Amino acid sequence: ITNSITAMKQSLLNDLKQAKEGVIIDISKLPEQLMVLHQHVAET
């Protein structure tokens, strides 16, 4: 779970950097990814 959160954090940091540069980013899958991670955290 920690590795998944770390990987998502790196991805989000990259998305934030790109958004600041005006690059189009795809955030459509983020809600589902967060829900899955949240479920795993809730089960710990």
PDB file of all heavy atoms in Angstrom:
ATOM      1  N   ILE A   1       0.847  -1.197   0.000  1.00  0.00           N
ATOM      2  CA  ILE A   1       0.000   0.000   0.000  1.00  0.00           C
ATOM      3  C   ILE A   1       0.880   1.244   0.000  1.00  0.00           C
ATOM      4  O   ILE A   1       0.632   2.192  -0.754  1.00  0.00           O
ATOM      5  CB  ILE A   1      -0.950   0.016   1.216  1.00  0.00           C
ATOM      6  CG1 ILE A   1      -1.941  -1.139   1.127  1.00  0.00           C
ATOM      7  CG2 ILE A   1      -1.693   1.340   1.303  1.00  0.00           C
ATOM      8  CD1 ILE A   1      -2.769  -1.342   2.380  1.00  0.00           C
ATOM      9  N   THR A   2       1.913   1.238   0.832  1.00  0.00           N
ATOM     10  CA  THR A   2       2.843   2.372   0.881  1.00  0.00           C
ATOM     11  C   THR A   2       3.499   2.584  -0.479  1.00  0.00           C
ATOM     12  O   THR A   2       3.617   3.718  -0.953  1.00  0.00           O
ATOM     13  CB  THR A   2       3.917   2.157   1.962  1.00  0.00           C
ATOM     14  OG1 THR A   2       3.268   2.052   3.232  1.00  0.00           O
ATOM     15  CG2 THR A   2       4.923   3.293   1.993  1.00  0.00           C
ATOM     16  N   ASN A   3       3.899   1.498  -1.131  1.00  0.00           N
ATOM     17  CA  ASN A   3       4.502   1.606  -2.465  1.00  0.00           C
ATOM     18  C   ASN A   3       3.504   2.167  -3.479  1.00  0.00           C
ATOM     19  O   ASN A   3       3.866   2.998  -4.327  1.00  0.00           O
ATOM     20  CB  ASN A   3       5.023   0.253  -2.933  1.00  0.00           C
ATOM     21  CG  ASN A   3       6.234  -0.205  -2.160  1.00  0.00           C
ATOM     22  OD1 ASN A   3       6.919   0.590  -1.520  1.00  0.00           O
ATOM     23  ND2 ASN A   3       6.493  -1.496  -2.185  1.00  0.00           N
ATOM     24  N   SER A   4       2.255   1.744  -3.400  1.00  0.00           N
ATOM     25  CA  SER A   4       1.223   2.263  -4.306  1.00  0.00           C
ATOM     26  C   SER A   4       0.981   3.748  -4.073  1.00  0.00           C
ATOM     27  O   SER A   4       0.845   4.522  -5.018  1.00  0.00           O
ATOM     28  CB  SER A   4      -0.083   1.494  -4.118  1.00  0.00           C
ATOM     29  OG  SER A   4       0.057   0.167  -4.521  1.00  0.00           O
ATOM     30  N   ILE A   5       0.938   4.138  -2.804  1.00  0.00           N
ATOM     31  CA  ILE A   5       0.737   5.551  -2.474  1.00  0.00           C
ATOM     32  C   ILE A   5       1.925   6.378  -2.956  1.00  0.00           C
ATOM     33  O   ILE A   5       1.745   7.455  -3.543  1.00  0.00           O
ATOM     34  CB  ILE A   5       0.504   5.736  -0.957  1.00  0.00           C
ATOM     35  CG1 ILE A   5      -0.865   5.171  -0.569  1.00  0.00           C
ATOM     36  CG2 ILE A   5       0.615   7.204  -0.553  1.00  0.00           C
ATOM     37  CD1 ILE A   5      -1.133   5.141   0.930  1.00  0.00           C
ATOM     38  N   THR A   6       3.134   5.871  -2.763  1.00  0.00           N
ATOM     39  CA  THR A   6       4.341   6.580  -3.209  1.00  0.00           C
ATOM     40  C   THR A   6       4.350   6.730  -4.725  1.00  0.00           C
ATOM     41  O   THR A   6       4.666   7.803  -5.247  1.00  0.00           O
ATOM     42  CB  THR A   6       5.604   5.842  -2.730  1.00  0.00           C
ATOM     43  OG1 THR A   6       5.580   5.766  -1.301  1.00  0.00           O
ATOM     44  CG2 THR A   6       6.870   6.550  -3.178  1.00  0.00           C
ATOM     45  N   ALA A   7       3.970   5.674  -5.429  1.00  0.00           N
ATOM     46  CA  ALA A   7       3.930   5.735  -6.895  1.00  0.00           C
ATOM     47  C   ALA A   7       2.881   6.746  -7.358  1.00  0.00           C
ATOM     48  O   ALA A   7       3.135   7.535  -8.284  1.00  0.00           O
ATOM     49  CB  ALA A   7       3.633   4.354  -7.473  1.00  0.00           C
ATOM     50  N   MET A   8       1.723   6.742  -6.707  1.00  0.00           N
ATOM     51  CA  MET A   8       0.681   7.696  -7.088  1.00  0.00           C
ATOM     52  C   MET A   8       1.125   9.116  -6.762  1.00  0.00           C
ATOM     53  O   MET A   8       0.849  10.038  -7.539  1.00  0.00           O
ATOM     54  CB  MET A   8      -0.627   7.370  -6.385  1.00  0.00           C
ATOM     55  CG  MET A   8      -1.763   8.269  -6.816  1.00  0.00           C
ATOM     56  SD  MET A   8      -3.330   7.749  -6.144  1.00  0.00           S
ATOM     57  CE  MET A   8      -4.243   7.582  -7.651  1.00  0.00           C
ATOM     58  N   LYS A   9       1.821   9.296  -5.664  1.00  0.00           N
ATOM     59  CA  LYS A   9       2.304  10.628  -5.295  1.00  0.00           C
ATOM     60  C   LYS A   9       3.264  11.148  -6.358  1.00  0.00           C
ATOM     61  O   LYS A   9       3.160  12.303  -6.780  1.00  0.00           O
ATOM     62  CB  LYS A   9       2.993  10.584  -3.929  1.00  0.00           C
ATOM     63  CG  LYS A   9       3.489  11.936  -3.470  1.00  0.00           C
ATOM     64  CD  LYS A   9       4.113  11.859  -2.089  1.00  0.00           C
ATOM     65  CE  LYS A   9       4.626  13.224  -1.653  1.00  0.00           C
ATOM     66  NZ  LYS A   9       5.228  13.163  -0.304  1.00  0.00           N
ATOM     67  N   GLN A  10       4.170  10.300  -6.820  1.00  0.00           N
ATOM     68  CA  GLN A  10       5.104  10.715  -7.869  1.00  0.00           C
ATOM     69  C   GLN A  10       4.359  11.066  -9.152  1.00  0.00           C
ATOM     70  O   GLN A  10       4.687  12.040  -9.820  1.00  0.00           O
ATOM     71  CB  GLN A  10       6.139   9.612  -8.131  1.00  0.00           C
ATOM     72  CG  GLN A  10       7.126   9.431  -7.011  1.00  0.00           C
ATOM     73  CD  GLN A  10       7.883  10.711  -6.679  1.00  0.00           C
ATOM     74  OE1 GLN A  10       8.330  11.442  -7.562  1.00  0.00           O
ATOM     75  NE2 GLN A  10       7.995  11.013  -5.397  1.00  0.00           N
ATOM     76  N   SER A  11       3.360  10.273  -9.473  1.00  0.00           N
ATOM     77  CA  SER A  11       2.554  10.544 -10.661  1.00  0.00           C
ATOM     78  C   SER A  11       1.814  11.875 -10.528  1.00  0.00           C
ATOM     79  O   SER A  11       1.775  12.670 -11.474  1.00  0.00           O
ATOM     80  CB  SER A  11       1.562   9.397 -10.867  1.00  0.00           C
ATOM     81  OG  SER A  11       0.727   9.660 -11.955  1.00  0.00           O
ATOM     82  N   LEU A  12       1.248  12.141  -9.348  1.00  0.00           N
ATOM     83  CA  LEU A  12       0.530  13.395  -9.128  1.00  0.00           C
ATOM     84  C   LEU A  12       1.470  14.591  -9.145  1.00  0.00           C
ATOM     85  O   LEU A  12       1.113  15.659  -9.658  1.00  0.00           O
ATOM     86  CB  LEU A  12      -0.244  13.344  -7.809  1.00  0.00           C
ATOM     87  CG  LEU A  12      -1.442  12.398  -7.780  1.00  0.00           C
ATOM     88  CD1 LEU A  12      -2.040  12.352  -6.386  1.00  0.00           C
ATOM     89  CD2 LEU A  12      -2.475  12.790  -8.811  1.00  0.00           C
ATOM     90  N   LEU A  13       2.672  14.419  -8.599  1.00  0.00           N
ATOM     91  CA  LEU A  13       3.653  15.509  -8.653  1.00  0.00           C
ATOM     92  C   LEU A  13       4.009  15.828 -10.098  1.00  0.00           C
ATOM     93  O   LEU A  13       4.123  16.996 -10.480  1.00  0.00           O
ATOM     94  CB  LEU A  13       4.916  15.139  -7.863  1.00  0.00           C
ATOM     95  CG  LEU A  13       4.788  15.185  -6.342  1.00  0.00           C
ATOM     96  CD1 LEU A  13       6.006  14.534  -5.685  1.00  0.00           C
ATOM     97  CD2 LEU A  13       4.625  16.617  -5.862  1.00  0.00           C
ATOM     98  N   ASN A  14       4.141  14.789 -10.910  1.00  0.00           N
ATOM     99  CA  ASN A  14       4.422  14.978 -12.334  1.00  0.00           C
ATOM    100  C   ASN A  14       3.236  15.661 -13.022  1.00  0.00           C
ATOM    101  O   ASN A  14       3.424  16.581 -13.823  1.00  0.00           O
ATOM    102  CB  ASN A  14       4.731  13.641 -12.998  1.00  0.00           C
ATOM    103  CG  ASN A  14       5.183  13.808 -14.421  1.00  0.00           C
ATOM    104  OD1 ASN A  14       6.070  14.607 -14.709  1.00  0.00           O
ATOM    105  ND2 ASN A  14       4.585  13.055 -15.321  1.00  0.00           N
ATOM    106  N   ASP A  15       2.017  15.221 -12.692  1.00  0.00           N
ATOM    107  CA  ASP A  15       0.822  15.852 -13.266  1.00  0.00           C
ATOM    108  C   ASP A  15       0.743  17.325 -12.879  1.00  0.00           C
ATOM    109  O   ASP A  15       0.396  18.174 -13.704  1.00  0.00           O
ATOM    110  CB  ASP A  15      -0.446  15.136 -12.801  1.00  0.00           C
ATOM    111  CG  ASP A  15      -0.649  13.785 -13.463  1.00  0.00           C
ATOM    112  OD1 ASP A  15       0.052  13.490 -14.457  1.00  0.00           O
ATOM    113  OD2 ASP A  15      -1.514  13.030 -12.982  1.00  0.00           O
ATOM    114  N   LEU A  16       1.056  17.633 -11.631  1.00  0.00           N
ATOM    115  CA  LEU A  16       1.023  19.024 -11.171  1.00  0.00           C
ATOM    116  C   LEU A  16       2.042  19.861 -11.932  1.00  0.00           C
ATOM    117  O   LEU A  16       1.731  20.963 -12.393  1.00  0.00           O
ATOM    118  CB  LEU A  16       1.284  19.094  -9.663  1.00  0.00           C
ATOM    119  CG  LEU A  16       1.289  20.486  -9.044  1.00  0.00           C
ATOM    120  CD1 LEU A  16      -0.044  21.199  -9.265  1.00  0.00           C
ATOM    121  CD2 LEU A  16       1.618  20.396  -7.557  1.00  0.00           C
ATOM    122  N   LYS A  17       3.233  19.322 -12.106  1.00  0.00           N
ATOM    123  CA  LYS A  17       4.278  20.035 -12.854  1.00  0.00           C
ATOM    124  C   LYS A  17       3.812  20.289 -14.290  1.00  0.00           C
ATOM    125  O   LYS A  17       3.938  21.394 -14.804  1.00  0.00           O
ATOM    126  CB  LYS A  17       5.570  19.216 -12.851  1.00  0.00           C
ATOM    127  CG  LYS A  17       6.691  19.857 -13.621  1.00  0.00           C
ATOM    128  CD  LYS A  17       7.922  18.974 -13.646  1.00  0.00           C
ATOM    129  CE  LYS A  17       8.968  19.612 -14.532  1.00  0.00           C
ATOM    130  NZ  LYS A  17       9.961  18.673 -14.998  1.00  0.00           N
ATOM    131  N   GLN A  18       3.246  19.269 -14.903  1.00  0.00           N
ATOM    132  CA  GLN A  18       2.775  19.422 -16.277  1.00  0.00           C
ATOM    133  C   GLN A  18       1.623  20.415 -16.366  1.00  0.00           C
ATOM    134  O   GLN A  18       1.561  21.217 -17.299  1.00  0.00           O
ATOM    135  CB  GLN A  18       2.365  18.070 -16.854  1.00  0.00           C
ATOM    136  CG  GLN A  18       3.551  17.167 -17.121  1.00  0.00           C
ATOM    137  CD  GLN A  18       3.124  15.855 -17.743  1.00  0.00           C
ATOM    138  OE1 GLN A  18       2.033  15.352 -17.495  1.00  0.00           O
ATOM    139  NE2 GLN A  18       3.995  15.288 -18.562  1.00  0.00           N
ATOM    140  N   ALA A  19       0.722  20.369 -15.403  1.00  0.00           N
ATOM    141  CA  ALA A  19      -0.409  21.305 -15.411  1.00  0.00           C
ATOM    142  C   ALA A  19       0.081  22.739 -15.305  1.00  0.00           C
ATOM    143  O   ALA A  19      -0.433  23.631 -15.970  1.00  0.00           O
ATOM    144  CB  ALA A  19      -1.373  20.981 -14.267  1.00  0.00           C
ATOM    145  N   LYS A  20       1.099  22.964 -14.485  1.00  0.00           N
ATOM    146  CA  LYS A  20       1.657  24.312 -14.345  1.00  0.00           C
ATOM    147  C   LYS A  20       2.313  24.776 -15.638  1.00  0.00           C
ATOM    148  O   LYS A  20       2.362  25.971 -15.912  1.00  0.00           O
ATOM    149  CB  LYS A  20       2.660  24.349 -13.197  1.00  0.00           C
ATOM    150  CG  LYS A  20       2.005  24.306 -11.841  1.00  0.00           C
ATOM    151  CD  LYS A  20       3.018  24.388 -10.724  1.00  0.00           C
ATOM    152  CE  LYS A  20       2.315  24.399  -9.380  1.00  0.00           C
ATOM    153  NZ  LYS A  20       3.243  24.523  -8.262  1.00  0.00           N
ATOM    154  N   GLU A  21       2.814  23.821 -16.421  1.00  0.00           N
ATOM    155  CA  GLU A  21       3.446  24.148 -17.699  1.00  0.00           C
ATOM    156  C   GLU A  21       2.429  24.255 -18.832  1.00  0.00           C
ATOM    157  O   GLU A  21       2.788  24.533 -19.968  1.00  0.00           O
ATOM    158  CB  GLU A  21       4.499  23.083 -18.035  1.00  0.00           C
ATOM    159  CG  GLU A  21       5.670  23.074 -17.076  1.00  0.00           C
ATOM    160  CD  GLU A  21       6.604  21.893 -17.287  1.00  0.00           C
ATOM    161  OE1 GLU A  21       6.295  20.974 -18.093  1.00  0.00           O
ATOM    162  OE2 GLU A  21       7.650  21.869 -16.616  1.00  0.00           O
ATOM    163  N   GLY A  22       1.157  23.992 -18.525  1.00  0.00           N
ATOM    164  CA  GLY A  22       0.118  24.096 -19.542  1.00  0.00           C
ATOM    165  C   GLY A  22      -0.078  22.844 -20.362  1.00  0.00           C
ATOM    166  O   GLY A  22      -0.782  22.864 -21.370  1.00  0.00           O
ATOM    167  N   VAL A  23       0.538  21.733 -19.939  1.00  0.00           N
ATOM    168  CA  VAL A  23       0.387  20.464 -20.653  1.00  0.00           C
ATOM    169  C   VAL A  23      -0.940  19.835 -20.248  1.00  0.00           C
ATOM    170  O   VAL A  23      -1.364  19.915 -19.097  1.00  0.00           O
ATOM    171  CB  VAL A  23       1.556  19.510 -20.299  1.00  0.00           C
ATOM    172  CG1 VAL A  23       1.369  18.149 -20.939  1.00  0.00           C
ATOM    173  CG2 VAL A  23       2.884  20.126 -20.718  1.00  0.00           C
ATOM    174  N   ILE A  24      -1.604  19.207 -21.190  1.00  0.00           N
ATOM    175  CA  ILE A  24      -2.861  18.515 -20.907  1.00  0.00           C
ATOM    176  C   ILE A  24      -2.560  17.261 -20.097  1.00  0.00           C
ATOM    177  O   ILE A  24      -1.690  16.471 -20.461  1.00  0.00           O
ATOM    178  CB  ILE A  24      -3.593  18.144 -22.215  1.00  0.00           C
ATOM    179  CG1 ILE A  24      -3.993  19.413 -22.963  1.00  0.00           C
ATOM    180  CG2 ILE A  24      -4.812  17.273 -21.930  1.00  0.00           C
ATOM    181  CD1 ILE A  24      -4.537  19.158 -24.352  1.00  0.00           C
ATOM    182  N   ILE A  25      -3.286  17.086 -18.992  1.00  0.00           N
ATOM    183  CA  ILE A  25      -3.105  15.898 -18.165  1.00  0.00           C
ATOM    184  C   ILE A  25      -4.423  15.136 -18.101  1.00  0.00           C
ATOM    185  O   ILE A  25      -5.496  15.718 -18.236  1.00  0.00           O
ATOM    186  CB  ILE A  25      -2.619  16.252 -16.746  1.00  0.00           C
ATOM    187  CG1 ILE A  25      -3.587  17.184 -16.038  1.00  0.00           C
ATOM    188  CG2 ILE A  25      -1.225  16.861 -16.797  1.00  0.00           C
ATOM    189  CD1 ILE A  25      -3.278  17.400 -14.578  1.00  0.00           C
ATOM    190  N   ASP A  26      -4.329  13.825 -17.927  1.00  0.00           N
ATOM    191  CA  ASP A  26      -5.515  12.973 -17.842  1.00  0.00           C
ATOM    192  C   ASP A  26      -5.773  12.622 -16.383  1.00  0.00           C
ATOM    193  O   ASP A  26      -5.001  11.879 -15.779  1.00  0.00           O
ATOM    194  CB  ASP A  26      -5.310  11.709 -18.666  1.00  0.00           C
ATOM    195  CG  ASP A  26      -6.517  10.786 -18.633  1.00  0.00           C
ATOM    196  OD1 ASP A  26      -7.585  11.197 -18.120  1.00  0.00           O
ATOM    197  OD2 ASP A  26      -6.393   9.649 -19.116  1.00  0.00           O
ATOM    198  N   ILE A  27      -6.831  13.164 -15.823  1.00  0.00           N
ATOM    199  CA  ILE A  27      -7.166  12.889 -14.428  1.00  0.00           C
ATOM    200  C   ILE A  27      -8.375  11.970 -14.317  1.00  0.00           C
ATOM    201  O   ILE A  27      -8.867  11.724 -13.219  1.00  0.00           O
ATOM    202  CB  ILE A  27      -7.409  14.193 -13.640  1.00  0.00           C
ATOM    203  CG1 ILE A  27      -8.559  14.989 -14.243  1.00  0.00           C
ATOM    204  CG2 ILE A  27      -6.139  15.023 -13.561  1.00  0.00           C
ATOM    205  CD1 ILE A  27      -9.007  16.162 -13.406  1.00  0.00           C
ATOM    206  N   SER A  28      -8.816  11.416 -15.414  1.00  0.00           N
ATOM    207  CA  SER A  28     -10.052  10.635 -15.432  1.00  0.00           C
ATOM    208  C   SER A  28      -9.975   9.359 -14.597  1.00  0.00           C
ATOM    209  O   SER A  28     -10.988   8.898 -14.083  1.00  0.00           O
ATOM    210  CB  SER A  28     -10.444  10.288 -16.867  1.00  0.00           C
ATOM    211  OG  SER A  28      -9.456   9.479 -17.466  1.00  0.00           O
ATOM    212  N   LYS A  29      -8.796   8.780 -14.453  1.00  0.00           N
ATOM    213  CA  LYS A  29      -8.666   7.521 -13.719  1.00  0.00           C
ATOM    214  C   LYS A  29      -8.349   7.733 -12.235  1.00  0.00           C
ATOM    215  O   LYS A  29      -8.367   6.785 -11.461  1.00  0.00           O
ATOM    216  CB  LYS A  29      -7.585   6.661 -14.360  1.00  0.00           C
ATOM    217  CG  LYS A  29      -7.946   6.239 -15.763  1.00  0.00           C
ATOM    218  CD  LYS A  29      -6.861   5.435 -16.406  1.00  0.00           C
ATOM    219  CE  LYS A  29      -7.281   5.108 -17.839  1.00  0.00           C
ATOM    220  NZ  LYS A  29      -6.229   4.530 -18.603  1.00  0.00           N
ATOM    221  N   LEU A  30      -8.090   8.962 -11.845  1.00  0.00           N
ATOM    222  CA  LEU A  30      -7.699   9.222 -10.462  1.00  0.00           C
ATOM    223  C   LEU A  30      -8.766   8.853  -9.429  1.00  0.00           C
ATOM    224  O   LEU A  30      -8.432   8.246  -8.407  1.00  0.00           O
ATOM    225  CB  LEU A  30      -7.275  10.673 -10.287  1.00  0.00           C
ATOM    226  CG  LEU A  30      -5.980  11.069 -10.996  1.00  0.00           C
ATOM    227  CD1 LEU A  30      -5.703  12.551 -10.803  1.00  0.00           C
ATOM    228  CD2 LEU A  30      -4.816  10.242 -10.510  1.00  0.00           C
ATOM    229  N   PRO A  31     -10.035   9.175  -9.649  1.00  0.00           N
ATOM    230  CA  PRO A  31     -11.034   8.802  -8.637  1.00  0.00           C
ATOM    231  C   PRO A  31     -11.059   7.299  -8.350  1.00  0.00           C
ATOM    232  O   PRO A  31     -11.094   6.888  -7.187  1.00  0.00           O
ATOM    233  CB  PRO A  31     -12.355   9.289  -9.226  1.00  0.00           C
ATOM    234  CG  PRO A  31     -11.959  10.420 -10.123  1.00  0.00           C
ATOM    235  CD  PRO A  31     -10.638   9.990 -10.713  1.00  0.00           C
ATOM    236  N   GLU A  32     -11.019   6.494  -9.384  1.00  0.00           N
ATOM    237  CA  GLU A  32     -11.040   5.038  -9.189  1.00  0.00           C
ATOM    238  C   GLU A  32      -9.774   4.566  -8.473  1.00  0.00           C
ATOM    239  O   GLU A  32      -9.840   3.733  -7.560  1.00  0.00           O
ATOM    240  CB  GLU A  32     -11.191   4.321 -10.532  1.00  0.00           C
ATOM    241  CG  GLU A  32     -11.214   2.817 -10.425  1.00  0.00           C
ATOM    242  CD  GLU A  32     -12.421   2.282  -9.658  1.00  0.00           C
ATOM    243  OE1 GLU A  32     -13.470   2.935  -9.633  1.00  0.00           O
ATOM    244  OE2 GLU A  32     -12.293   1.200  -9.058  1.00  0.00           O
ATOM    245  N   GLN A  33      -8.621   5.084  -8.873  1.00  0.00           N
ATOM    246  CA  GLN A  33      -7.375   4.707  -8.215  1.00  0.00           C
ATOM    247  C   GLN A  33      -7.392   5.082  -6.740  1.00  0.00           C
ATOM    248  O   GLN A  33      -6.949   4.309  -5.887  1.00  0.00           O
ATOM    249  CB  GLN A  33      -6.182   5.372  -8.907  1.00  0.00           C
ATOM    250  CG  GLN A  33      -5.922   4.861 -10.298  1.00  0.00           C
ATOM    251  CD  GLN A  33      -4.877   5.678 -11.035  1.00  0.00           C
ATOM    252  OE1 GLN A  33      -4.590   6.816 -10.683  1.00  0.00           O
ATOM    253  NE2 GLN A  33      -4.312   5.102 -12.082  1.00  0.00           N
ATOM    254  N   LEU A  34      -7.915   6.267  -6.441  1.00  0.00           N
ATOM    255  CA  LEU A  34      -7.998   6.697  -5.048  1.00  0.00           C
ATOM    256  C   LEU A  34      -8.963   5.834  -4.251  1.00  0.00           C
ATOM    257  O   LEU A  34      -8.696   5.515  -3.083  1.00  0.00           O
ATOM    258  CB  LEU A  34      -8.407   8.165  -4.968  1.00  0.00           C
ATOM    259  CG  LEU A  34      -7.311   9.154  -5.323  1.00  0.00           C
ATOM    260  CD1 LEU A  34      -7.889  10.552  -5.449  1.00  0.00           C
ATOM    261  CD2 LEU A  34      -6.205   9.125  -4.288  1.00  0.00           C
ATOM    262  N   MET A  35     -10.073   5.468  -4.849  1.00  0.00           N
ATOM    263  CA  MET A  35     -11.038   4.617  -4.144  1.00  0.00           C
ATOM    264  C   MET A  35     -10.433   3.253  -3.811  1.00  0.00           C
ATOM    265  O   MET A  35     -10.632   2.725  -2.714  1.00  0.00           O
ATOM    266  CB  MET A  35     -12.317   4.451  -4.968  1.00  0.00           C
ATOM    267  CG  MET A  35     -13.143   5.721  -5.072  1.00  0.00           C
ATOM    268  SD  MET A  35     -13.638   6.392  -3.469  1.00  0.00           S
ATOM    269  CE  MET A  35     -14.692   5.090  -2.873  1.00  0.00           C
ATOM    270  N   VAL A  36      -9.690   2.689  -4.740  1.00  0.00           N
ATOM    271  CA  VAL A  36      -9.038   1.398  -4.499  1.00  0.00           C
ATOM    272  C   VAL A  36      -8.021   1.535  -3.369  1.00  0.00           C
ATOM    273  O   VAL A  36      -7.986   0.716  -2.440  1.00  0.00           O
ATOM    274  CB  VAL A  36      -8.382   0.861  -5.793  1.00  0.00           C
ATOM    275  CG1 VAL A  36      -7.481  -0.326  -5.499  1.00  0.00           C
ATOM    276  CG2 VAL A  36      -9.439   0.497  -6.814  1.00  0.00           C
ATOM    277  N   LEU A  37      -7.194   2.571  -3.440  1.00  0.00           N
ATOM    278  CA  LEU A  37      -6.211   2.796  -2.375  1.00  0.00           C
ATOM    279  C   LEU A  37      -6.901   3.029  -1.033  1.00  0.00           C
ATOM    280  O   LEU A  37      -6.470   2.497  -0.002  1.00  0.00           O
ATOM    281  CB  LEU A  37      -5.319   3.998  -2.700  1.00  0.00           C
ATOM    282  CG  LEU A  37      -4.090   3.720  -3.537  1.00  0.00           C
ATOM    283  CD1 LEU A  37      -3.360   5.023  -3.838  1.00  0.00           C
ATOM    284  CD2 LEU A  37      -3.164   2.747  -2.866  1.00  0.00           C
ATOM    285  N   HIS A  38      -7.956   3.814  -1.046  1.00  0.00           N
ATOM    286  CA  HIS A  38      -8.688   4.088   0.187  1.00  0.00           C
ATOM    287  C   HIS A  38      -9.226   2.794   0.794  1.00  0.00           C
ATOM    288  O   HIS A  38      -9.143   2.580   2.000  1.00  0.00           O
ATOM    289  CB  HIS A  38      -9.837   5.057  -0.072  1.00  0.00           C
ATOM    290  CG  HIS A  38     -10.642   5.340   1.146  1.00  0.00           C
ATOM    291  ND1 HIS A  38     -11.767   4.618   1.461  1.00  0.00           N
ATOM    292  CD2 HIS A  38     -10.472   6.243   2.137  1.00  0.00           C
ATOM    293  CE1 HIS A  38     -12.264   5.070   2.592  1.00  0.00           C
ATOM    294  NE2 HIS A  38     -11.502   6.056   3.023  1.00  0.00           N
ATOM    295  N   GLN A  39      -9.745   1.934  -0.040  1.00  0.00           N
ATOM    296  CA  GLN A  39     -10.265   0.655   0.438  1.00  0.00           C
ATOM    297  C   GLN A  39      -9.155  -0.172   1.085  1.00  0.00           C
ATOM    298  O   GLN A  39      -9.345  -0.754   2.149  1.00  0.00           O
ATOM    299  CB  GLN A  39     -10.906  -0.129  -0.706  1.00  0.00           C
ATOM    300  CG  GLN A  39     -11.540  -1.426  -0.280  1.00  0.00           C
ATOM    301  CD  GLN A  39     -12.696  -1.219   0.674  1.00  0.00           C
ATOM    302  OE1 GLN A  39     -13.430  -0.243   0.588  1.00  0.00           O
ATOM    303  NE2 GLN A  39     -12.862  -2.131   1.610  1.00  0.00           N
ATOM    304  N   HIS A  40      -7.982  -0.195   0.462  1.00  0.00           N
ATOM    305  CA  HIS A  40      -6.862  -0.944   1.027  1.00  0.00           C
ATOM    306  C   HIS A  40      -6.417  -0.346   2.362  1.00  0.00           C
ATOM    307  O   HIS A  40      -6.117  -1.082   3.303  1.00  0.00           O
ATOM    308  CB  HIS A  40      -5.689  -0.993   0.048  1.00  0.00           C
ATOM    309  CG  HIS A  40      -5.950  -1.828  -1.163  1.00  0.00           C
ATOM    310  ND1 HIS A  40      -6.354  -3.142  -1.110  1.00  0.00           N
ATOM    311  CD2 HIS A  40      -5.870  -1.527  -2.475  1.00  0.00           C
ATOM    312  CE1 HIS A  40      -6.506  -3.619  -2.330  1.00  0.00           C
ATOM    313  NE2 HIS A  40      -6.224  -2.649  -3.179  1.00  0.00           N
ATOM    314  N   VAL A  41      -6.376   0.980   2.434  1.00  0.00           N
ATOM    315  CA  VAL A  41      -6.005   1.640   3.685  1.00  0.00           C
ATOM    316  C   VAL A  41      -7.033   1.312   4.768  1.00  0.00           C
ATOM    317  O   VAL A  41      -6.680   1.003   5.910  1.00  0.00           O
ATOM    318  CB  VAL A  41      -5.863   3.168   3.497  1.00  0.00           C
ATOM    319  CG1 VAL A  41      -5.728   3.874   4.838  1.00  0.00           C
ATOM    320  CG2 VAL A  41      -4.656   3.487   2.610  1.00  0.00           C
ATOM    321  N   ALA A  42      -8.302   1.343   4.406  1.00  0.00           N
ATOM    322  CA  ALA A  42      -9.369   1.066   5.378  1.00  0.00           C
ATOM    323  C   ALA A  42      -9.296  -0.363   5.914  1.00  0.00           C
ATOM    324  O   ALA A  42      -9.683  -0.615   7.052  1.00  0.00           O
ATOM    325  CB  ALA A  42     -10.727   1.316   4.730  1.00  0.00           C
ATOM    326  N   GLU A  43      -8.767  -1.274   5.119  1.00  0.00           N
ATOM    327  CA  GLU A  43      -8.689  -2.677   5.524  1.00  0.00           C
ATOM    328  C   GLU A  43      -7.458  -3.007   6.354  1.00  0.00           C
ATOM    329  O   GLU A  43      -7.336  -4.130   6.834  1.00  0.00           O
ATOM    330  CB  GLU A  43      -8.715  -3.573   4.280  1.00  0.00           C
ATOM    331  CG  GLU A  43     -10.030  -3.535   3.539  1.00  0.00           C
ATOM    332  CD  GLU A  43      -9.976  -4.209   2.184  1.00  0.00           C
ATOM    333  OE1 GLU A  43      -8.876  -4.638   1.757  1.00  0.00           O
ATOM    334  OE2 GLU A  43     -11.037  -4.298   1.533  1.00  0.00           O
ATOM    335  N   THR A  44      -6.542  -2.064   6.545  1.00  0.00           N
ATOM    336  CA  THR A  44      -5.313  -2.351   7.300  1.00  0.00           C
ATOM    337  C   THR A  44      -5.593  -2.387   8.794  1.00  0.00           C
ATOM    338  O   THR A  44      -6.612  -1.904   9.272  1.00  0.00           O
ATOM    339  CB  THR A  44      -4.218  -1.296   7.028  1.00  0.00           C
ATOM    340  OG1 THR A  44      -4.699  -0.019   7.434  1.00  0.00           O
ATOM    341  CG2 THR A  44      -3.796  -1.282   5.590  1.00  0.00           C
TER     342      THR A  44
END
